[in-house]
Amino acid sequence: MMKLPRENMKDIASRAKTRRLSLNLTQEGLASRSGVSLGTLKQFERTGKISLESLLELSTALGNSHEFDGLFAANQFPTGIS
């Protein structure tokens, strides 16, 4: 069963928070390290809402930016889909 976008957003936010905590980073520390404002980070962890640019900045600061490499890769799509 496919997840709704809101469910995916909250799951991603939860995994990012878990990663932040595993690195012993406070929200303030991650905000400083990533360049994402503390307010944006707090909102993201609470709701899952964030801009793509801020999400990429956070994932880089958390050491997970490589996980975006396969997103929308050409070889993932069956032929005939446009």
N, C-alpha and C. Protein backbone atom coordinates (compact mmCIF):
# COMPACT_ATOMS: atom_id res chain seq x y z
N MET A 1 0.84 -1.19 0.00
CA MET A 1 0.00 0.00 0.00
C MET A 1 0.88 1.25 0.00
N MET A 2 0.60 2.15 -0.91
CA MET A 2 1.39 3.38 -1.01
C MET A 2 1.05 4.32 0.13
N LYS A 3 2.08 4.97 0.62
CA LYS A 3 1.87 5.98 1.66
C LYS A 3 1.41 7.28 1.02
N LEU A 4 0.62 8.01 1.78
CA LEU A 4 0.24 9.35 1.35
C LEU A 4 1.44 10.27 1.53
N PRO A 5 1.52 11.36 0.76
CA PRO A 5 2.64 12.28 0.89
C PRO A 5 2.85 12.76 2.32
N ARG A 6 1.78 13.06 3.04
CA ARG A 6 1.91 13.55 4.41
C ARG A 6 2.56 12.49 5.32
N GLU A 7 2.22 11.23 5.08
CA GLU A 7 2.83 10.14 5.85
C GLU A 7 4.32 10.04 5.55
N ASN A 8 4.68 10.15 4.28
CA ASN A 8 6.10 10.14 3.91
C ASN A 8 6.85 11.29 4.53
N MET A 9 6.24 12.47 4.53
CA MET A 9 6.88 13.65 5.11
C MET A 9 7.17 13.43 6.60
N LYS A 10 6.19 12.93 7.32
CA LYS A 10 6.37 12.71 8.75
C LYS A 10 7.40 11.61 9.02
N ASP A 11 7.40 10.57 8.19
CA ASP A 11 8.39 9.49 8.35
C ASP A 11 9.81 10.01 8.11
N ILE A 12 9.99 10.82 7.09
CA ILE A 12 11.30 11.39 6.79
C ILE A 12 11.74 12.29 7.94
N ALA A 13 10.84 13.11 8.45
CA ALA A 13 11.17 13.99 9.58
C ALA A 13 11.55 13.18 10.81
N SER A 14 10.85 12.11 11.06
CA SER A 14 11.14 11.26 12.21
C SER A 14 12.51 10.61 12.07
N ARG A 15 12.82 10.13 10.88
CA ARG A 15 14.15 9.51 10.65
C ARG A 15 15.26 10.55 10.77
N ALA A 16 15.01 11.77 10.30
CA ALA A 16 16.02 12.82 10.44
C ALA A 16 16.25 13.16 11.91
N LYS A 17 15.18 13.23 12.68
CA LYS A 17 15.32 13.52 14.11
C LYS A 17 16.08 12.40 14.80
N THR A 18 15.76 11.16 14.47
CA THR A 18 16.47 10.01 15.05
C THR A 18 17.94 10.08 14.71
N ARG A 19 18.26 10.43 13.48
CA ARG A 19 19.67 10.56 13.05
C ARG A 19 20.34 11.69 13.83
N ARG A 20 19.65 12.83 13.97
CA ARG A 20 20.21 13.95 14.72
C ARG A 20 20.54 13.54 16.15
N LEU A 21 19.60 12.86 16.78
CA LEU A 21 19.81 12.43 18.16
C LEU A 21 20.93 11.40 18.27
N SER A 22 21.05 10.51 17.28
CA SER A 22 22.11 9.50 17.31
C SER A 22 23.49 10.14 17.19
N LEU A 23 23.54 11.32 16.60
CA LEU A 23 24.80 12.07 16.47
C LEU A 23 25.01 13.03 17.65
N ASN A 24 24.11 12.93 18.64
CA ASN A 24 24.17 13.80 19.82
C ASN A 24 24.15 15.28 19.47
N LEU A 25 23.33 15.62 18.48
CA LEU A 25 23.18 17.01 18.08
C LEU A 25 21.88 17.57 18.63
N THR A 26 21.94 18.76 19.16
CA THR A 26 20.73 19.47 19.53
C THR A 26 20.13 20.06 18.26
N GLN A 27 18.90 20.53 18.37
CA GLN A 27 18.31 21.22 17.23
C GLN A 27 19.15 22.45 16.88
N GLU A 28 19.60 23.16 17.90
CA GLU A 28 20.42 24.35 17.68
C GLU A 28 21.73 23.98 16.97
N GLY A 29 22.34 22.88 17.39
CA GLY A 29 23.58 22.44 16.77
C GLY A 29 23.41 22.07 15.31
N LEU A 30 22.33 21.35 15.00
CA LEU A 30 22.08 20.97 13.61
C LEU A 30 21.73 22.19 12.77
N ALA A 31 20.96 23.10 13.34
CA ALA A 31 20.63 24.32 12.60
C ALA A 31 21.90 25.08 12.25
N SER A 32 22.80 25.19 13.20
CA SER A 32 24.06 25.89 12.97
C SER A 32 24.92 25.17 11.94
N ARG A 33 25.02 23.87 12.07
CA ARG A 33 25.86 23.06 11.17
C ARG A 33 25.34 23.07 9.74
N SER A 34 24.00 23.11 9.58
CA SER A 34 23.40 22.98 8.26
C SER A 34 23.11 24.32 7.58
N GLY A 35 22.98 25.38 8.38
CA GLY A 35 22.58 26.66 7.81
C GLY A 35 21.08 26.81 7.70
N VAL A 36 20.33 25.82 8.17
CA VAL A 36 18.87 25.88 8.18
C VAL A 36 18.45 26.56 9.48
N SER A 37 17.49 27.45 9.41
CA SER A 37 17.09 28.17 10.62
C SER A 37 16.51 27.20 11.65
N LEU A 38 16.65 27.58 12.90
CA LEU A 38 16.13 26.76 13.99
C LEU A 38 14.61 26.61 13.86
N GLY A 39 13.92 27.66 13.49
CA GLY A 39 12.47 27.59 13.31
C GLY A 39 12.07 26.61 12.23
N THR A 40 12.80 26.61 11.12
CA THR A 40 12.52 25.68 10.03
C THR A 40 12.75 24.25 10.49
N LEU A 41 13.84 24.02 11.20
CA LEU A 41 14.15 22.68 11.69
C LEU A 41 13.07 22.19 12.67
N LYS A 42 12.67 23.06 13.59
CA LYS A 42 11.62 22.68 14.55
C LYS A 42 10.32 22.33 13.83
N GLN A 43 9.94 23.15 12.86
CA GLN A 43 8.72 22.88 12.09
C GLN A 43 8.84 21.56 11.35
N PHE A 44 9.99 21.31 10.74
CA PHE A 44 10.21 20.07 10.00
C PHE A 44 10.05 18.86 10.92
N GLU A 45 10.69 18.89 12.07
CA GLU A 45 10.60 17.75 12.98
C GLU A 45 9.19 17.56 13.52
N ARG A 46 8.43 18.62 13.62
CA ARG A 46 7.07 18.54 14.14
C ARG A 46 6.06 18.13 13.06
N THR A 47 6.21 18.65 11.84
CA THR A 47 5.18 18.47 10.81
C THR A 47 5.64 17.73 9.57
N GLY A 48 6.94 17.72 9.33
CA GLY A 48 7.47 17.12 8.10
C GLY A 48 7.57 18.11 6.96
N LYS A 49 7.09 19.33 7.15
CA LYS A 49 7.11 20.33 6.08
C LYS A 49 8.47 21.03 6.04
N ILE A 50 9.04 21.09 4.83
CA ILE A 50 10.35 21.72 4.64
C ILE A 50 10.57 21.91 3.14
N SER A 51 11.37 22.89 2.78
CA SER A 51 11.71 23.07 1.36
C SER A 51 12.73 22.01 0.97
N LEU A 52 12.78 21.72 -0.30
CA LEU A 52 13.76 20.75 -0.80
C LEU A 52 15.18 21.21 -0.49
N GLU A 53 15.44 22.49 -0.69
CA GLU A 53 16.78 23.02 -0.43
C GLU A 53 17.17 22.81 1.04
N SER A 54 16.28 23.10 1.96
CA SER A 54 16.58 22.92 3.38
C SER A 54 16.73 21.44 3.72
N LEU A 55 15.91 20.59 3.12
CA LEU A 55 16.04 19.16 3.35
C LEU A 55 17.41 18.65 2.90
N LEU A 56 17.86 19.12 1.76
CA LEU A 56 19.18 18.72 1.26
C LEU A 56 20.29 19.24 2.16
N GLU A 57 20.14 20.46 2.67
CA GLU A 57 21.14 21.01 3.59
C GLU A 57 21.19 20.20 4.88
N LEU A 58 20.03 19.82 5.41
CA LEU A 58 20.00 19.00 6.62
C LEU A 58 20.60 17.63 6.36
N SER A 59 20.25 17.02 5.23
CA SER A 59 20.77 15.68 4.95
C SER A 59 22.28 15.69 4.77
N THR A 60 22.82 16.76 4.22
CA THR A 60 24.27 16.89 4.10
C THR A 60 24.90 17.00 5.48
N ALA A 61 24.33 17.83 6.33
CA ALA A 61 24.86 18.00 7.69
C ALA A 61 24.76 16.72 8.51
N LEU A 62 23.77 15.89 8.20
CA LEU A 62 23.58 14.63 8.93
C LEU A 62 24.32 13.46 8.28
N GLY A 63 24.96 13.73 7.14
CA GLY A 63 25.73 12.68 6.46
C GLY A 63 24.89 11.71 5.66
N ASN A 64 23.71 12.14 5.23
CA ASN A 64 22.82 11.26 4.48
C ASN A 64 22.51 11.75 3.07
N SER A 65 23.24 12.72 2.57
CA SER A 65 22.89 13.29 1.26
C SER A 65 23.00 12.27 0.13
N HIS A 66 23.83 11.24 0.29
CA HIS A 66 23.97 10.21 -0.74
C HIS A 66 22.67 9.46 -0.99
N GLU A 67 21.75 9.50 -0.04
CA GLU A 67 20.50 8.77 -0.20
C GLU A 67 19.59 9.38 -1.27
N PHE A 68 19.89 10.58 -1.72
CA PHE A 68 19.12 11.21 -2.79
C PHE A 68 19.64 10.82 -4.17
N ASP A 69 20.79 10.17 -4.24
CA ASP A 69 21.42 9.86 -5.53
C ASP A 69 20.53 9.06 -6.48
N GLY A 70 19.77 8.13 -5.96
CA GLY A 70 18.94 7.29 -6.82
C GLY A 70 17.55 7.82 -7.10
N LEU A 71 17.20 8.94 -6.48
CA LEU A 71 15.86 9.48 -6.65
C LEU A 71 15.65 9.92 -8.09
N PHE A 72 14.64 9.39 -8.72
CA PHE A 72 14.28 9.68 -10.12
C PHE A 72 15.34 9.24 -11.12
N ALA A 73 16.16 8.28 -10.76
CA ALA A 73 17.16 7.77 -11.71
C ALA A 73 16.46 7.18 -12.93
N ALA A 74 17.02 7.41 -14.09
CA ALA A 74 16.38 7.01 -15.34
C ALA A 74 16.13 5.51 -15.40
N ASN A 75 17.00 4.70 -14.83
CA ASN A 75 16.83 3.25 -14.93
C ASN A 75 15.77 2.70 -13.99
N GLN A 76 15.12 3.53 -13.20
CA GLN A 76 14.08 3.07 -12.28
C GLN A 76 12.70 2.99 -12.93
N PHE A 77 12.55 3.60 -14.09
CA PHE A 77 11.24 3.69 -14.69
C PHE A 77 11.07 2.65 -15.80
N PRO A 78 9.94 1.97 -15.81
CA PRO A 78 9.66 1.04 -16.92
C PRO A 78 9.52 1.83 -18.21
N THR A 79 9.87 1.20 -19.32
CA THR A 79 9.72 1.89 -20.60
C THR A 79 8.25 2.13 -20.89
N GLY A 80 7.98 3.17 -21.59
CA GLY A 80 6.61 3.50 -21.96
C GLY A 80 5.94 4.50 -21.03
N ILE A 81 6.60 4.83 -19.92
CA ILE A 81 6.04 5.84 -19.02
C ILE A 81 6.66 7.17 -19.36
N SER A 82 5.83 8.17 -19.57
CA SER A 82 6.36 9.48 -19.90
C SER A 82 5.86 10.54 -18.95
